[in-house]
Each structure stands twice: as C-alpha cells, then as structure tokens.
Amino acid sequence: MTQSINPNALLPPPFPDHTQLPESDGTFVKNFQEHPQSLILTDSIGPIFQQLHPDGQYAIGQDCGIYWRETDPPEKGAEAPDWFYVPNVPPKLDGQIRRSYVLWREFISPLIALEFASGNGDEERDQTPLSRSTSGEVTKPGKFWVYERIIAIPYYGIYEINTGKLEVYRLVDGLYQQLMPNGRGRYPIPRLGVELGVWQGSYQNQTQLWLRWWDEHGNLLLIGDERAEQERQRAEQERQRAQSVQQAQTDAIPRLLAMGLSVGQVAEALSLSVEVVREVQTRG
C-alpha cells in the first residue's frame, strides 16, 4: 500500500525577511563623527542618484545590517557597513521602512560599502574566512572577507577617521585589489561618475577631515547648505552686476543729452524708458 506524502511537509521554513530580523546588535556608534560623516556623503551625492535613478529605485544604508547568512542568534549573520549604496532596489519594502538589507531576499549586492574606522582599521581589513572546527565551532569571518567573498561588493572603502587615511578596493575576478589614487589624490567610481576623497573643512560644528565626493571633472559635490550658499552668492553677484549696469546707464544719460540727442534717442540707445531718462535729466 502506498502512502501519499504532503509535499509541503518536505519544504524548509522560508528564510526570514527584514521585518523578522534584528535591526540592531546592541552596540553603539563609536565616535561623534560617524553619523555626520554618513550624512555629508548622502546629502552631497543625492543629485547624482536622482540622475541615475529617475524612478527612485535605490537604497542607502547607514550603519544598517546586511544579512548574508542565517545564524543563531540572527545578528551574527550580518555585517553593518557604516555607509553603503544599493542600485535598482526600492527604498522601502511593501511600504515599510527597511529595517535591514537581506541579501537572500533581494540578491542585489551593494555597489559600494564604506567603513569609518575609529581605530587603525584592523577590524575593517580582517580577512579571516568562515570556517568550522572538527568540534563544530564556527569561526566568525572578518568584514573584509565577507564583503569580498560572500556579498561581493564591487567597491570597498576603509577610512581611518583619526589619520584621514583612505583605502579603496575594487573587486576583480572575485578578489579585492587596492586602488591607487588618481592625479587629484582621489578614487574614481566610474559607475557613479564620481570620485571619492578626503576634504578638510567644517560640518555640523566639527572642523576636520571628511570623506567626500567630487564629480569626474574634479568639482566638489556640495551638500544642501553649500548649494544654498552658492546660490545666495550667485544671486548677490547678479544683483551687483545689474546694479553696476544700471549705474553706468544712468551716468551715460547726461553725456548723451549734452551731445544733442533727444530724450527718446537716449532712451532707445540705453534700452531705458523715456520716464527714466527724463527723471535723470530733471535731477541734473
């Protein structure tokens, strides 16, 4: 006699999604620069992402977990880059804010991940592979190894906050190769049309070295406050230029009238109204 088998009974439980996985491992940010550093990167590159993704399909993670394998507890199967960008994925999932980025649900790796090292960067350069001893004990893999071998992030940057040292790696044939800076001392990311480098300046009441973006022509990508200040200066320069032109026209009116031109001819020559010419004539 044959016995029917429920095929559903043979299926393993579905992998959890971002709503079922922890969004924090209980640690805290190590210094006061990490959050401002993430903000200055995100704010300045926003216009670039809007050009690349007019449909809005991209996500930026800031100290958020990337889940790459199932573990117990779950957070041991995640790495949390200080900043990363994933192209061609929705910024929200089913209308919900992302709690984490779950690789086995979306399959698209970040294009670039950045780590802001509070120390000397040894943790961020850790290439310890995932392994299991004969007794079954699992060795925790290093960040570098996970980003390179498992998540396969095309660009990985390590920025040492204390020294301002920046290293950028590019994935070539499955392995990271350290890049050399270009003639401007920065690292091009061709798929974004930008360069990554270090900038000395003040942001959020902190004057120091910051990780920032430039365009491929070497122009610094501005944050919102800088763009507003640039526009204010442009408007002020335009106002001063217009004021200078107006003053030159006003100064020319008496001379042209003295040469025998009529009020109408002066107005036409200077592209002014007859009323303005007469007003200057009366004052003179």
Protein backbone atom coordinates (compact mmCIF):
# COMPACT_ATOMS: atom_id res chain seq x y z
CA MET A 1 0.00 0.00 0.00
CA THR A 2 1.35 3.40 -0.95
CA GLN A 3 1.13 6.40 1.32
CA SER A 4 0.77 9.89 -0.09
CA ILE A 5 3.21 12.49 1.14
CA ASN A 6 2.33 16.10 1.64
CA PRO A 7 4.95 17.91 -0.49
CA ASN A 8 4.72 20.99 1.75
CA ALA A 9 5.98 18.90 4.67
CA LEU A 10 9.32 18.48 2.87
CA LEU A 11 9.95 22.18 2.40
CA PRO A 12 12.16 24.03 4.89
CA PRO A 13 10.71 27.12 6.55
CA PRO A 14 11.08 30.26 4.45
CA PHE A 15 14.08 32.48 5.08
CA PRO A 16 13.14 35.46 7.29
CA ASP A 17 12.78 38.93 5.84
CA HIS A 18 13.82 42.36 7.12
CA THR A 19 10.78 42.60 9.43
CA GLN A 20 11.71 39.36 11.20
CA LEU A 21 15.42 40.01 11.71
CA PRO A 22 17.01 42.21 14.42
CA GLU A 23 17.83 45.72 13.29
CA SER A 24 20.50 46.18 15.96
CA ASP A 25 23.10 44.04 17.66
CA GLY A 26 23.08 46.24 20.76
CA THR A 27 26.29 48.11 20.00
CA PHE A 28 26.58 51.88 19.69
CA VAL A 29 28.36 54.30 17.39
CA LYS A 30 31.99 54.66 18.49
CA ASN A 31 32.51 58.38 17.97
CA PHE A 32 30.78 61.68 17.24
CA GLN A 33 31.93 61.84 13.62
CA GLU A 34 30.30 58.68 12.23
CA HIS A 35 26.74 59.96 11.85
CA PRO A 36 27.74 63.40 10.42
CA GLN A 37 30.14 61.59 8.09
CA SER A 38 27.31 59.44 6.73
CA LEU A 39 25.07 62.47 6.33
CA ILE A 40 27.61 64.51 4.37
CA LEU A 41 28.11 61.61 1.94
CA THR A 42 24.39 61.01 1.45
CA ASP A 43 23.43 64.67 1.15
CA SER A 44 26.07 65.55 -1.43
CA ILE A 45 25.59 62.56 -3.74
CA GLY A 46 21.79 62.84 -3.75
CA PRO A 47 21.59 64.77 -7.07
CA ILE A 48 23.79 62.12 -8.73
CA PHE A 49 21.48 59.33 -7.59
CA GLN A 50 18.45 61.27 -8.81
CA GLN A 51 20.02 61.42 -12.28
CA LEU A 52 20.96 57.74 -12.23
CA HIS A 53 17.63 56.61 -10.80
CA PRO A 54 14.83 58.91 -12.00
CA ASP A 55 12.44 56.16 -10.85
CA GLY A 56 13.82 56.43 -7.30
CA GLN A 57 14.86 52.78 -7.22
CA TYR A 58 17.91 52.76 -4.97
CA ALA A 59 18.66 52.37 -1.28
CA ILE A 60 21.28 53.87 1.03
CA GLY A 61 22.20 52.15 4.27
CA GLN A 62 23.86 53.97 7.14
CA ASP A 63 25.14 51.65 9.86
CA CYS A 64 22.43 49.15 8.83
CA GLY A 65 22.79 45.39 8.77
CA ILE A 66 23.34 43.40 5.59
CA TYR A 67 22.15 39.87 6.33
CA TRP A 68 24.12 37.34 4.30
CA ARG A 69 23.53 34.05 6.15
CA GLU A 70 21.19 32.54 8.73
CA THR A 71 22.67 32.14 12.19
CA ASP A 72 21.59 31.78 15.79
CA PRO A 73 21.33 34.46 17.02
CA PRO A 74 20.40 36.07 13.66
CA GLU A 75 22.54 39.19 14.06
CA LYS A 76 25.71 37.09 13.87
CA GLY A 77 24.91 36.53 10.22
CA ALA A 78 25.01 40.24 9.40
CA GLU A 79 27.59 42.93 8.74
CA ALA A 80 26.74 46.60 9.10
CA PRO A 81 28.81 48.92 6.89
CA ASP A 82 28.85 52.50 8.08
CA TRP A 83 27.58 53.57 4.62
CA PHE A 84 26.51 51.62 1.56
CA TYR A 85 24.53 52.09 -1.64
CA VAL A 86 22.44 49.50 -3.48
CA PRO A 87 21.23 50.33 -7.01
CA ASN A 88 17.96 49.20 -8.55
CA VAL A 89 16.10 48.23 -5.39
CA PRO A 90 13.12 50.05 -3.81
CA PRO A 91 13.88 52.41 -0.90
CA LYS A 92 11.00 50.79 1.01
CA LEU A 93 9.59 47.26 1.01
CA ASP A 94 5.82 46.89 0.80
CA GLY A 95 5.53 50.48 2.03
CA GLN A 96 7.63 49.77 5.13
CA ILE A 97 10.91 51.43 6.05
CA ARG A 98 13.78 48.99 5.69
CA ARG A 99 15.00 47.56 8.98
CA SER A 100 17.95 45.87 7.30
CA TYR A 101 19.11 44.66 3.91
CA VAL A 102 18.51 40.93 3.46
CA LEU A 103 20.70 39.55 0.69
CA TRP A 104 18.87 36.26 0.33
CA ARG A 105 15.64 38.15 -0.33
CA GLU A 106 16.88 40.65 -2.91
CA PHE A 107 20.05 39.12 -4.41
CA ILE A 108 21.50 42.50 -5.48
CA SER A 109 24.77 43.40 -3.78
CA PRO A 110 25.62 46.97 -2.79
CA LEU A 111 27.78 48.75 -5.38
CA ILE A 112 29.94 50.36 -2.70
CA ALA A 113 30.39 49.99 1.05
CA LEU A 114 32.36 52.34 3.30
CA GLU A 115 33.68 51.76 6.79
CA PHE A 116 34.75 54.60 9.09
CA ALA A 117 37.45 53.07 11.28
CA SER A 118 37.75 54.53 14.75
CA GLY A 119 40.97 52.61 15.33
CA ASN A 120 43.72 51.55 12.97
CA GLY A 121 41.43 49.70 10.55
CA ASP A 122 42.48 46.16 11.50
CA GLU A 123 38.86 45.13 12.05
CA GLU A 124 37.85 46.52 8.66
CA ARG A 125 40.77 44.71 6.94
CA ASP A 126 40.09 41.37 8.65
CA GLN A 127 40.24 38.62 6.02
CA THR A 128 39.50 35.71 8.37
CA PRO A 129 37.40 33.19 6.39
CA LEU A 130 34.28 31.49 7.66
CA SER A 131 35.29 28.05 8.93
CA ARG A 132 34.13 25.26 11.22
CA SER A 133 36.37 23.26 13.50
CA THR A 134 36.16 19.48 13.94
CA SER A 135 34.22 20.11 17.14
CA GLY A 136 31.67 22.15 15.20
CA GLU A 137 32.78 25.57 16.47
CA VAL A 138 32.29 28.28 13.84
CA THR A 139 34.96 30.93 13.33
CA LYS A 140 33.48 34.39 12.84
CA PRO A 141 34.62 35.70 9.44
CA GLY A 142 36.20 39.11 9.03
CA LYS A 143 34.42 42.03 7.39
CA PHE A 144 36.85 42.22 4.50
CA TRP A 145 36.35 38.51 3.70
CA VAL A 146 32.54 38.77 3.87
CA TYR A 147 32.39 41.84 1.62
CA GLU A 148 34.83 40.29 -0.85
CA ARG A 149 33.89 36.59 -0.97
CA ILE A 150 30.22 36.43 0.01
CA ILE A 151 28.42 39.74 -0.61
CA ALA A 152 30.82 40.58 -3.48
CA ILE A 153 30.63 44.37 -3.15
CA PRO A 154 32.39 45.90 -6.20
CA TYR A 155 33.94 48.82 -4.24
CA TYR A 156 35.00 48.80 -0.60
CA GLY A 157 36.47 51.83 1.17
CA ILE A 158 38.17 51.97 4.57
CA TYR A 159 38.54 55.44 6.06
CA GLU A 160 40.62 55.89 9.21
CA ILE A 161 38.99 58.80 10.97
CA ASN A 162 41.93 59.63 13.26
CA THR A 163 44.53 59.87 10.48
CA GLY A 164 42.43 60.75 7.42
CA LYS A 165 43.86 57.73 5.59
CA LEU A 166 41.61 56.30 2.88
CA GLU A 167 41.95 52.92 1.16
CA VAL A 168 39.66 51.85 -1.67
CA TYR A 169 39.43 48.32 -3.04
CA ARG A 170 37.86 47.12 -6.26
CA LEU A 171 36.57 43.59 -6.82
CA VAL A 172 38.45 42.00 -9.72
CA ASP A 173 37.84 38.33 -10.58
CA GLY A 174 36.33 37.73 -7.17
CA LEU A 175 39.17 39.29 -5.15
CA TYR A 176 39.79 42.81 -3.87
CA GLN A 177 42.61 44.81 -5.42
CA GLN A 178 43.66 48.02 -3.70
CA LEU A 179 43.33 51.02 -5.99
CA MET A 180 45.84 53.80 -6.42
CA PRO A 181 44.55 57.38 -6.21
CA ASN A 182 44.37 59.46 -9.37
CA GLY A 183 46.33 62.64 -10.02
CA ARG A 184 43.96 64.59 -7.77
CA GLY A 185 44.57 62.15 -4.92
CA ARG A 186 41.08 60.67 -5.16
CA TYR A 187 39.50 57.37 -6.19
CA PRO A 188 37.18 57.28 -9.25
CA ILE A 189 33.98 55.22 -9.05
CA PRO A 190 33.19 55.10 -12.80
CA ARG A 191 29.72 53.57 -12.50
CA LEU A 192 28.65 56.60 -10.47
CA GLY A 193 30.69 59.18 -12.37
CA VAL A 194 32.23 60.42 -9.11
CA GLU A 195 35.48 60.41 -7.19
CA LEU A 196 35.90 59.62 -3.50
CA GLY A 197 38.45 61.52 -1.44
CA VAL A 198 39.25 63.42 1.73
CA TRP A 199 38.30 67.06 2.33
CA GLN A 200 39.37 69.46 5.10
CA GLY A 201 36.54 71.65 6.33
CA SER A 202 33.76 72.31 8.81
CA TYR A 203 30.48 70.42 9.03
CA GLN A 204 28.00 70.36 11.91
CA ASN A 205 30.35 72.34 14.16
CA GLN A 206 33.26 69.98 13.54
CA THR A 207 36.31 71.18 11.61
CA GLN A 208 38.40 68.24 10.48
CA LEU A 209 38.98 65.81 7.60
CA TRP A 210 35.86 64.39 5.97
CA LEU A 211 35.23 61.73 3.37
CA ARG A 212 33.53 63.39 0.39
CA TRP A 213 32.56 63.06 -3.27
CA TRP A 214 33.74 65.02 -6.32
CA ASP A 215 32.41 64.78 -9.86
CA GLU A 216 34.56 63.30 -12.62
CA HIS A 217 35.79 66.81 -13.52
CA GLY A 218 37.14 67.38 -10.02
CA ASN A 219 34.33 69.61 -8.70
CA LEU A 220 33.29 69.03 -5.10
CA LEU A 221 29.72 67.73 -4.77
CA LEU A 222 28.02 70.17 -2.44
CA ILE A 223 25.71 69.47 0.47
CA GLY A 224 22.42 71.34 0.83
CA ASP A 225 23.81 74.22 2.90
CA GLU A 226 26.68 74.70 0.47
CA ARG A 227 24.33 74.64 -2.51
CA ALA A 228 22.14 77.25 -0.82
CA GLU A 229 25.17 79.44 -0.06
CA GLN A 230 26.40 79.07 -3.64
CA GLU A 231 23.00 80.16 -4.92
CA ARG A 232 22.96 83.10 -2.49
CA GLN A 233 26.38 84.23 -3.72
CA ARG A 234 25.31 83.81 -7.35
CA ALA A 235 22.20 85.90 -6.74
CA GLU A 236 24.25 88.58 -4.96
CA GLN A 237 26.75 88.71 -7.83
CA GLU A 238 23.88 89.04 -10.31
CA ARG A 239 22.35 91.84 -8.22
CA GLN A 240 25.68 93.68 -8.10
CA ARG A 241 26.20 93.22 -11.85
CA ALA A 242 22.72 94.58 -12.61
CA GLN A 243 23.32 97.47 -10.25
CA SER A 244 26.63 98.26 -11.97
CA VAL A 245 24.99 98.21 -15.42
CA GLN A 246 22.19 100.44 -14.21
CA GLN A 247 24.67 102.92 -12.75
CA ALA A 248 26.65 103.02 -16.00
CA GLN A 249 23.45 103.71 -17.96
CA THR A 250 22.47 106.48 -15.56
CA ASP A 251 25.93 108.06 -15.82
CA ALA A 252 25.70 107.99 -19.64
CA ILE A 253 22.39 109.89 -19.85
CA PRO A 254 23.75 113.44 -19.23
CA ARG A 255 26.63 112.90 -21.67
CA LEU A 256 24.32 111.73 -24.46
CA LEU A 257 21.89 114.60 -23.87
CA ALA A 258 24.81 117.05 -23.96
CA MET A 259 25.77 115.63 -27.35
CA GLY A 260 22.41 116.76 -28.68
CA LEU A 261 20.45 113.51 -28.60
CA SER A 262 16.80 113.79 -27.77
CA VAL A 263 15.28 112.14 -24.70
CA GLY A 264 13.73 109.47 -26.94
CA GLN A 265 17.01 108.75 -28.71
CA VAL A 266 18.86 108.41 -25.39
CA ALA A 267 16.17 106.09 -24.05
CA GLU A 268 16.42 103.89 -27.16
CA ALA A 269 20.22 103.85 -27.14
CA LEU A 270 20.40 102.77 -23.49
CA SER A 271 17.33 100.49 -23.52
CA LEU A 272 15.69 102.65 -20.89
CA SER A 273 12.23 104.11 -20.60
CA VAL A 274 11.66 107.76 -21.54
CA GLU A 275 10.47 108.39 -17.98
CA VAL A 276 13.81 107.25 -16.51
CA VAL A 277 15.77 109.46 -18.89
CA ARG A 278 13.58 112.48 -18.07
CA GLU A 279 13.95 111.82 -14.33
CA VAL A 280 17.75 111.86 -14.63
CA GLN A 281 17.53 114.94 -16.86
CA THR A 282 15.45 116.73 -14.24
CA ARG A 283 17.87 115.80 -11.42
CA GLY A 284 20.77 117.04 -13.48
